[in-house]
C-alpha atoms as a PDB file:
ATOM      1  CA  MET A   1      -6.003  28.312  15.515  1.00  0.00           C
ATOM      2  CA  ARG A   2      -9.203  27.507  13.520  1.00  0.00           C
ATOM      3  CA  LYS A   3      -8.506  30.687  11.018  1.00  0.00           C
ATOM      4  CA  TYR A   4      -4.996  29.085  10.410  1.00  0.00           C
ATOM      5  CA  LEU A   5      -6.623  25.729   9.893  1.00  0.00           C
ATOM      6  CA  LEU A   6      -8.897  27.047   7.269  1.00  0.00           C
ATOM      7  CA  ILE A   7      -6.194  28.865   5.613  1.00  0.00           C
ATOM      8  CA  LEU A   8      -3.986  25.880   5.382  1.00  0.00           C
ATOM      9  CA  ILE A   9      -7.116  24.126   3.708  1.00  0.00           C
ATOM     10  CA  PHE A  10      -7.673  26.863   1.578  1.00  0.00           C
ATOM     11  CA  CYS A  11      -3.880  26.701   0.023  1.00  0.00           C
ATOM     12  CA  LEU A  12      -3.957  22.802  -0.278  1.00  0.00           C
ATOM     13  CA  SER A  13      -6.938  23.172  -2.290  1.00  0.00           C
ATOM     14  CA  ALA A  14      -5.395  25.584  -4.395  1.00  0.00           C
ATOM     15  CA  PHE A  15      -2.451  23.902  -4.926  1.00  0.00           C
ATOM     16  CA  THR A  16      -4.469  20.744  -5.784  1.00  0.00           C
ATOM     17  CA  SER A  17      -5.628  22.455  -8.652  1.00  0.00           C
ATOM     18  CA  PHE A  18      -2.290  22.776 -10.375  1.00  0.00           C
ATOM     19  CA  GLY A  19      -1.735  18.886 -10.390  1.00  0.00           C
ATOM     20  CA  GLN A  20      -2.576  15.598  -8.933  1.00  0.00           C
ATOM     21  CA  ALA A  21      -1.828  15.481  -5.313  1.00  0.00           C
ATOM     22  CA  GLU A  22       0.168  12.235  -4.014  1.00  0.00           C
ATOM     23  CA  ILE A  23      -1.363  11.163  -0.685  1.00  0.00           C
ATOM     24  CA  GLY A  24       0.997   8.902   1.831  1.00  0.00           C
ATOM     25  CA  ILE A  25       1.403   7.920   5.078  1.00  0.00           C
ATOM     26  CA  LYS A  26       4.540   8.225   7.116  1.00  0.00           C
ATOM     27  CA  PHE A  27       6.599   6.626  10.381  1.00  0.00           C
ATOM     28  CA  SER A  28       9.664   7.634  11.367  1.00  0.00           C
ATOM     29  CA  PRO A  29      11.724   6.304  14.174  1.00  0.00           C
ATOM     30  CA  SER A  30      13.049   9.516  15.931  1.00  0.00           C
ATOM     31  CA  ILE A  31      15.595  10.952  18.445  1.00  0.00           C
ATOM     32  CA  SER A  32      14.327  13.604  20.348  1.00  0.00           C
ATOM     33  CA  ALA A  33      16.774  15.893  22.119  1.00  0.00           C
ATOM     34  CA  ASN A  34      17.653  19.326  23.206  1.00  0.00           C
ATOM     35  CA  ARG A  35      19.578  22.501  23.616  1.00  0.00           C
ATOM     36  CA  VAL A  36      19.497  23.863  26.628  1.00  0.00           C
ATOM     37  CA  ASN A  37      20.817  27.800  27.111  1.00  0.00           C
ATOM     38  CA  THR A  38      20.717  30.601  29.906  1.00  0.00           C
ATOM     39  CA  ASP A  39      22.320  33.897  30.805  1.00  0.00           C
ATOM     40  CA  SER A  40      22.888  32.984  34.372  1.00  0.00           C
ATOM     41  CA  ASP A  41      26.007  33.864  36.056  1.00  0.00           C
ATOM     42  CA  SER A  42      25.462  31.490  39.015  1.00  0.00           C
ATOM     43  CA  LEU A  43      23.840  28.526  37.829  1.00  0.00           C
ATOM     44  CA  THR A  44      24.281  26.384  35.260  1.00  0.00           C
ATOM     45  CA  TYR A  45      22.012  24.166  33.219  1.00  0.00           C
ATOM     46  CA  SER A  46      22.758  21.313  30.294  1.00  0.00           C
ATOM     47  CA  ASN A  47      20.388  18.963  28.198  1.00  0.00           C
ATOM     48  CA  ASP A  48      20.232  15.422  29.466  1.00  0.00           C
ATOM     49  CA  GLY A  49      20.582  13.253  27.150  1.00  0.00           C
ATOM     50  CA  THR A  50      17.981  11.907  24.167  1.00  0.00           C
ATOM     51  CA  GLY A  51      14.916   9.786  23.949  1.00  0.00           C
ATOM     52  CA  LEU A  52      13.667   7.228  21.332  1.00  0.00           C
ATOM     53  CA  ARG A  53      10.426   8.310  19.771  1.00  0.00           C
ATOM     54  CA  PHE A  54       8.237   7.779  16.853  1.00  0.00           C
ATOM     55  CA  VAL A  55       6.831  10.364  14.511  1.00  0.00           C
ATOM     56  CA  PHE A  56       3.949   9.379  12.343  1.00  0.00           C
ATOM     57  CA  GLY A  57       0.997  10.496  10.153  1.00  0.00           C
ATOM     58  CA  VAL A  58      -0.055  12.004   6.956  1.00  0.00           C
ATOM     59  CA  ILE A  59       1.518  13.494   4.024  1.00  0.00           C
ATOM     60  CA  LEU A  60       0.677  15.233   0.938  1.00  0.00           C
ATOM     61  CA  ASP A  61       2.809  15.767  -1.973  1.00  0.00           C
ATOM     62  CA  LEU A  62       1.574  18.628  -4.163  1.00  0.00           C
ATOM     63  CA  PRO A  63       3.348  19.164  -7.692  1.00  0.00           C
ATOM     64  CA  LEU A  64       4.505  22.647  -8.390  1.00  0.00           C
ATOM     65  CA  THR A  65       6.537  21.621 -11.400  1.00  0.00           C
ATOM     66  CA  GLU A  66       8.097  18.366 -12.694  1.00  0.00           C
ATOM     67  CA  LYS A  67      11.104  17.945 -10.242  1.00  0.00           C
ATOM     68  CA  TYR A  68       9.284  20.768  -7.475  1.00  0.00           C
ATOM     69  CA  TYR A  69       6.685  19.653  -4.909  1.00  0.00           C
ATOM     70  CA  PHE A  70       5.064  21.275  -1.962  1.00  0.00           C
ATOM     71  CA  SER A  71       4.899  18.944   0.607  1.00  0.00           C
ATOM     72  CA  THR A  72       2.877  19.177   3.860  1.00  0.00           C
ATOM     73  CA  GLY A  73       0.717  17.008   5.788  1.00  0.00           C
ATOM     74  CA  LEU A  74      -0.255  15.970   9.775  1.00  0.00           C
ATOM     75  CA  LEU A  75       1.678  14.081  12.060  1.00  0.00           C
ATOM     76  CA  TYR A  76       1.842  13.114  15.689  1.00  0.00           C
ATOM     77  CA  SER A  77       5.163  14.123  17.427  1.00  0.00           C
ATOM     78  CA  PRO A  78       5.802  12.931  20.526  1.00  0.00           C
ATOM     79  CA  GLU A  79       8.969  14.190  22.134  1.00  0.00           C
ATOM     80  CA  ARG A  80      11.222  15.116  25.330  1.00  0.00           C
ATOM     81  CA  ALA A  81      12.415  17.963  26.821  1.00  0.00           C
ATOM     82  CA  ALA A  82      14.984  17.336  29.678  1.00  0.00           C
ATOM     83  CA  ILE A  83      17.319  19.218  31.528  1.00  0.00           C
ATOM     84  CA  VAL A  84      20.118  18.902  34.073  1.00  0.00           C
ATOM     85  CA  LEU A  85      20.940  21.823  36.965  1.00  0.00           C
ATOM     86  CA  ASP A  86      24.399  21.098  37.130  1.00  0.00           C
ATOM     87  CA  ASN A  87      25.001  23.170  40.401  1.00  0.00           C
ATOM     88  CA  LEU A  88      22.440  20.680  42.086  1.00  0.00           C
ATOM     89  CA  ASP A  89      23.265  17.433  40.326  1.00  0.00           C
ATOM     90  CA  GLN A  90      19.687  17.446  39.669  1.00  0.00           C
ATOM     91  CA  GLN A  91      17.661  16.126  35.983  1.00  0.00           C
ATOM     92  CA  GLU A  92      14.305  16.626  35.119  1.00  0.00           C
ATOM     93  CA  ALA A  93      12.555  15.356  32.247  1.00  0.00           C
ATOM     94  CA  TYR A  94       9.385  15.938  30.266  1.00  0.00           C
ATOM     95  CA  LYS A  95       7.200  14.397  28.028  1.00  0.00           C
ATOM     96  CA  THR A  96       5.406  16.743  25.107  1.00  0.00           C
ATOM     97  CA  GLN A  97       3.220  15.888  22.475  1.00  0.00           C
ATOM     98  CA  TYR A  98       2.505  17.959  19.526  1.00  0.00           C
ATOM     99  CA  LEU A  99       0.438  17.774  15.963  1.00  0.00           C
ATOM    100  CA  GLN A 100       3.211  19.054  13.555  1.00  0.00           C
ATOM    101  CA  ILE A 101       2.497  20.541  10.079  1.00  0.00           C
ATOM    102  CA  PRO A 102       5.304  21.085   7.702  1.00  0.00           C
ATOM    103  CA  ILE A 103       5.699  23.700   5.283  1.00  0.00           C
ATOM    104  CA  THR A 104       8.547  22.150   2.965  1.00  0.00           C
ATOM    105  CA  VAL A 105       9.633  21.800  -0.630  1.00  0.00           C
ATOM    106  CA  LYS A 106      11.269  18.505  -1.983  1.00  0.00           C
ATOM    107  CA  LEU A 107      13.507  18.627  -5.134  1.00  0.00           C
ATOM    108  CA  PHE A 108      13.577  15.355  -6.893  1.00  0.00           C
ATOM    109  CA  THR A 109      16.425  14.369  -9.230  1.00  0.00           C
ATOM    110  CA  GLU A 110      16.340  12.623 -12.641  1.00  0.00           C
ATOM    111  CA  GLU A 111      15.921   8.619 -12.468  1.00  0.00           C
ATOM    112  CA  LEU A 112      19.160   7.172 -11.086  1.00  0.00           C
ATOM    113  CA  PHE A 113      17.919   3.611 -11.529  1.00  0.00           C
ATOM    114  CA  LEU A 114      14.834   2.450 -12.843  1.00  0.00           C
ATOM    115  CA  ASP A 115      11.792   3.883 -11.090  1.00  0.00           C
ATOM    116  CA  THR A 116      13.914   5.533  -8.318  1.00  0.00           C
ATOM    117  CA  LYS A 117      14.938   8.847  -7.589  1.00  0.00           C
ATOM    118  CA  LEU A 118      16.724  11.184  -4.802  1.00  0.00           C
ATOM    119  CA  PHE A 119      14.901  13.928  -3.246  1.00  0.00           C
ATOM    120  CA  PHE A 120      16.070  16.763  -0.797  1.00  0.00           C
ATOM    121  CA  GLN A 121      13.459  18.480   1.578  1.00  0.00           C
ATOM    122  CA  ILE A 122      13.622  21.899   2.837  1.00  0.00           C
ATOM    123  CA  GLY A 123      11.340  23.987   4.854  1.00  0.00           C
ATOM    124  CA  LEU A 124       9.769  25.030   8.472  1.00  0.00           C
ATOM    125  CA  VAL A 125       7.461  22.690  10.292  1.00  0.00           C
ATOM    126  CA  GLY A 126       4.847  24.041  12.847  1.00  0.00           C
ATOM    127  CA  GLU A 127       4.073  22.721  15.901  1.00  0.00           C
ATOM    128  CA  ILE A 128       0.798  22.839  17.975  1.00  0.00           C
ATOM    129  CA  LYS A 129       1.151  21.383  21.678  1.00  0.00           C
ATOM    130  CA  VAL A 130      -1.201  18.849  22.247  1.00  0.00           C
ATOM    131  CA  THR A 131       0.040  17.755  25.975  1.00  0.00           C
ATOM    132  CA  ASP A 132       2.686  17.963  28.426  1.00  0.00           C
ATOM    133  CA  LYS A 133       3.389  15.589  31.264  1.00  0.00           C
ATOM    134  CA  GLU A 134       6.246  15.442  33.850  1.00  0.00           C
ATOM    135  CA  GLU A 135       8.660  12.511  33.864  1.00  0.00           C
ATOM    136  CA  ASP A 136      11.238  12.679  36.086  1.00  0.00           C
ATOM    137  CA  VAL A 137      11.073  16.190  38.027  1.00  0.00           C
ATOM    138  CA  SER A 138      12.277  17.284  41.633  1.00  0.00           C
ATOM    139  CA  ASN A 139      12.193  20.833  41.735  1.00  0.00           C
ATOM    140  CA  GLU A 140       9.539  21.200  38.553  1.00  0.00           C
ATOM    141  CA  LEU A 141      12.012  23.806  36.580  1.00  0.00           C
ATOM    142  CA  VAL A 142       9.363  24.051  33.823  1.00  0.00           C
ATOM    143  CA  GLU A 143       6.079  25.378  34.897  1.00  0.00           C
ATOM    144  CA  SER A 144       4.382  25.618  31.406  1.00  0.00           C
ATOM    145  CA  PHE A 145       5.639  25.023  27.899  1.00  0.00           C
ATOM    146  CA  ARG A 146       4.341  27.224  25.100  1.00  0.00           C
ATOM    147  CA  ALA A 147       1.017  26.236  23.012  1.00  0.00           C
ATOM    148  CA  VAL A 148       3.354  26.210  19.497  1.00  0.00           C
ATOM    149  CA  ASP A 149       6.841  25.557  18.346  1.00  0.00           C
ATOM    150  CA  THR A 150       8.812  26.093  15.227  1.00  0.00           C
ATOM    151  CA  SER A 151      11.446  23.880  13.501  1.00  0.00           C
ATOM    152  CA  LEU A 152      13.965  24.158  10.372  1.00  0.00           C
ATOM    153  CA  THR A 153      14.216  20.968   9.040  1.00  0.00           C
ATOM    154  CA  LEU A 154      16.186  19.384   6.236  1.00  0.00           C
ATOM    155  CA  GLY A 155      16.215  15.832   4.856  1.00  0.00           C
ATOM    156  CA  ALA A 156      16.920  13.589   2.047  1.00  0.00           C
ATOM    157  CA  GLY A 157      16.094  10.192   0.588  1.00  0.00           C
ATOM    158  CA  PHE A 158      14.869   8.261  -2.127  1.00  0.00           C
ATOM    159  CA  GLU A 159      11.510   7.208  -3.734  1.00  0.00           C
ATOM    160  CA  ARG A 160      11.010   4.241  -6.143  1.00  0.00           C
ATOM    161  CA  ASN A 161       7.612   3.091  -7.688  1.00  0.00           C
ATOM    162  CA  PHE A 162       6.132   0.069  -7.620  1.00  0.00           C
ATOM    163  CA  GLY A 163       2.661  -1.012  -9.131  1.00  0.00           C
ATOM    164  CA  VAL A 164       0.499   1.400 -11.172  1.00  0.00           C
ATOM    165  CA  ALA A 165       0.955   4.525  -9.010  1.00  0.00           C
ATOM    166  CA  ASN A 166       2.099   3.524  -5.803  1.00  0.00           C
ATOM    167  CA  VAL A 167       5.826   4.893  -4.286  1.00  0.00           C
ATOM    168  CA  TRP A 168       7.343   4.100  -1.145  1.00  0.00           C
ATOM    169  CA  PHE A 169      10.162   6.021   0.397  1.00  0.00           C
ATOM    170  CA  ALA A 170      13.158   6.354   2.988  1.00  0.00           C
ATOM    171  CA  GLY A 171      15.590   8.907   3.930  1.00  0.00           C
ATOM    172  CA  PHE A 172      16.935  10.811   7.106  1.00  0.00           C
ATOM    173  CA  SER A 173      15.793  14.300   8.134  1.00  0.00           C
ATOM    174  CA  TYR A 174      16.894  16.701  10.774  1.00  0.00           C
ATOM    175  CA  SER A 175      14.817  19.114  12.556  1.00  0.00           C
ATOM    176  CA  ARG A 176      16.238  22.301  14.562  1.00  0.00           C
ATOM    177  CA  GLY A 177      13.857  23.948  16.886  1.00  0.00           C
ATOM    178  CA  LEU A 178      13.776  27.821  16.468  1.00  0.00           C
ATOM    179  CA  VAL A 179      11.778  28.644  19.511  1.00  0.00           C
ATOM    180  CA  ASN A 180      12.145  28.102  23.333  1.00  0.00           C
ATOM    181  CA  ILE A 181       9.526  25.761  24.390  1.00  0.00           C
ATOM    182  CA  VAL A 182       9.442  27.063  27.861  1.00  0.00           C
ATOM    183  CA  SER A 183       6.735  29.504  28.583  1.00  0.00           C
ATOM    184  CA  ASP A 184       7.180  29.568  32.546  1.00  0.00           C
ATOM    185  CA  SER A 185      10.414  28.622  34.496  1.00  0.00           C
ATOM    186  CA  ASN A 186      10.460  28.343  38.347  1.00  0.00           C
ATOM    187  CA  SER A 187      10.897  31.829  39.705  1.00  0.00           C
ATOM    188  CA  ASN A 188      13.408  30.647  42.290  1.00  0.00           C
ATOM    189  CA  PHE A 189      15.731  29.728  39.746  1.00  0.00           C
ATOM    190  CA  ASP A 190      17.284  31.644  36.816  1.00  0.00           C
ATOM    191  CA  ASP A 191      15.577  31.621  33.308  1.00  0.00           C
ATOM    192  CA  PHE A 192      16.788  29.560  30.749  1.00  0.00           C
ATOM    193  CA  SER A 193      15.610  28.384  27.548  1.00  0.00           C
ATOM    194  CA  ILE A 194      15.108  24.731  25.640  1.00  0.00           C
ATOM    195  CA  LYS A 195      15.003  24.281  21.935  1.00  0.00           C
ATOM    196  CA  ASN A 196      13.820  20.821  20.494  1.00  0.00           C
ATOM    197  CA  ASP A 197      15.911  18.898  18.156  1.00  0.00           C
ATOM    198  CA  MET A 198      15.089  15.788  16.108  1.00  0.00           C
ATOM    199  CA  TYR A 199      17.058  13.337  14.270  1.00  0.00           C
ATOM    200  CA  GLN A 200      14.582  11.159  12.083  1.00  0.00           C
ATOM    201  CA  ILE A 201      14.621   7.816   9.791  1.00  0.00           C
ATOM    202  CA  ASP A 202      11.962   8.713   7.232  1.00  0.00           C
ATOM    203  CA  LEU A 203       9.622   5.507   5.844  1.00  0.00           C
ATOM    204  CA  GLY A 204       6.721   5.478   4.034  1.00  0.00           C
ATOM    205  CA  ILE A 205       4.397   4.853   1.086  1.00  0.00           C
ATOM    206  CA  LYS A 206       2.377   7.242  -1.157  1.00  0.00           C
ATOM    207  CA  PHE A 207      -0.463   6.267  -3.354  1.00  0.00           C
END
């Protein structure tokens, strides 16, 4: 893990040499959901609703050209994994917490209004699990979660300059989990997979 953090720091240092970095703070009210799948012929599983969460942290935008930026950061993301075992009419929910490292590209338009631009964002989000906790468990279907997760993220929004060098932004993003976050499941039941989804309203300021 330490090796990957050193590589990230080196990459950020290299990008910074090409232009002035924009550092900011982001706060995102989010809806945490998940997709549940299984190959079982005898048991059926489904997801158990959604949960309101709040993602926040530091972001870093590094200019590649006038309109293209490499965007990364370090975000704290509490999430919810919930599953229903339909055959037994049982629900289980778990709280998981991650540190996110986005690896994305932002494309900016020309100014649509005075000091206001639209942006579109695409890339991957690497997630390192900090902790997990049982919220509402009967059979303990999930015995352990994977230490890492990866999501594809898509977003759009706008930025508006204010003051000399400050920018505030707002937008919407969707992250679709690519990895089954279940490492080990209860051996008394058939295997299943859970993949996370996040729907976010992104708000923040850059300096």
